[in-house]
């Protein structure tokens, strides 16, 4: 996910990992919390919303 700018905040451009959690929605993961142990998947999963897919 690329975040270009939040309203009323300093500009921090970059790419940030995220997940979509039931009951929480989109959750951005702090880069400092990342420890990659697994390869990523190339399997696509429908969000259930054709506009997002």
Protein backbone atom coordinates (compact mmCIF):
# COMPACT_ATOMS: atom_id res chain seq x y z
CA UNK A 1 0.00 0.00 0.00
CA UNK A 2 1.42 3.38 -0.88
CA UNK A 3 0.38 6.29 1.32
CA UNK A 4 1.04 9.66 -0.25
CA UNK A 5 -0.26 11.95 2.50
CA UNK A 6 -2.70 12.10 5.40
CA UNK A 7 -4.69 15.25 6.05
CA UNK A 8 -3.03 17.65 8.52
CA UNK A 9 0.14 15.55 8.87
CA UNK A 10 3.70 15.75 7.63
CA UNK A 11 4.42 14.27 4.22
CA UNK A 12 5.83 10.72 4.47
CA UNK A 13 5.90 9.07 1.06
CA UNK A 14 6.67 5.39 0.84
CA UNK A 15 5.31 1.88 0.65
CA UNK A 16 3.93 0.18 3.76
CA UNK A 17 2.86 -3.44 4.29
CA UNK A 18 -0.75 -3.99 5.30
CA UNK A 19 -3.30 -6.69 5.98
CA UNK A 20 -7.08 -6.78 5.87
CA UNK A 21 -8.53 -8.05 9.15
CA UNK A 22 -12.14 -9.09 9.82
CA UNK A 23 -13.88 -6.54 12.05
CA UNK A 24 -10.89 -4.13 11.73
CA UNK A 25 -10.55 -3.43 8.01
CA UNK A 26 -7.21 -2.34 6.55
CA UNK A 27 -4.40 -2.47 9.13
CA UNK A 28 -1.05 -0.87 8.23
CA UNK A 29 1.92 -2.73 9.73
CA UNK A 30 4.82 -0.62 11.02
CA UNK A 31 7.96 -1.36 9.01
CA UNK A 32 9.91 -1.67 12.27
CA UNK A 33 7.67 -4.63 13.24
CA UNK A 34 8.41 -6.65 10.11
CA UNK A 35 10.50 -9.79 10.22
CA UNK A 36 10.13 -11.69 6.96
CA UNK A 37 10.26 -15.45 7.44
CA UNK A 38 8.06 -16.66 4.58
CA UNK A 39 7.88 -16.14 0.84
CA UNK A 40 4.91 -14.13 -0.39
CA UNK A 41 2.10 -15.79 -2.33
CA UNK A 42 0.96 -14.92 -5.84
CA UNK A 43 -2.56 -16.32 -5.22
CA UNK A 44 -5.27 -13.69 -5.66
CA UNK A 45 -8.20 -13.62 -3.26
CA UNK A 46 -11.40 -11.71 -3.95
CA UNK A 47 -12.33 -8.97 -1.49
CA UNK A 48 -15.98 -9.56 -2.35
CA UNK A 49 -16.18 -6.07 -3.83
CA UNK A 50 -15.77 -5.99 -7.63
CA UNK A 51 -14.71 -2.32 -7.49
CA UNK A 52 -11.71 -3.24 -5.31
CA UNK A 53 -10.80 -6.41 -7.19
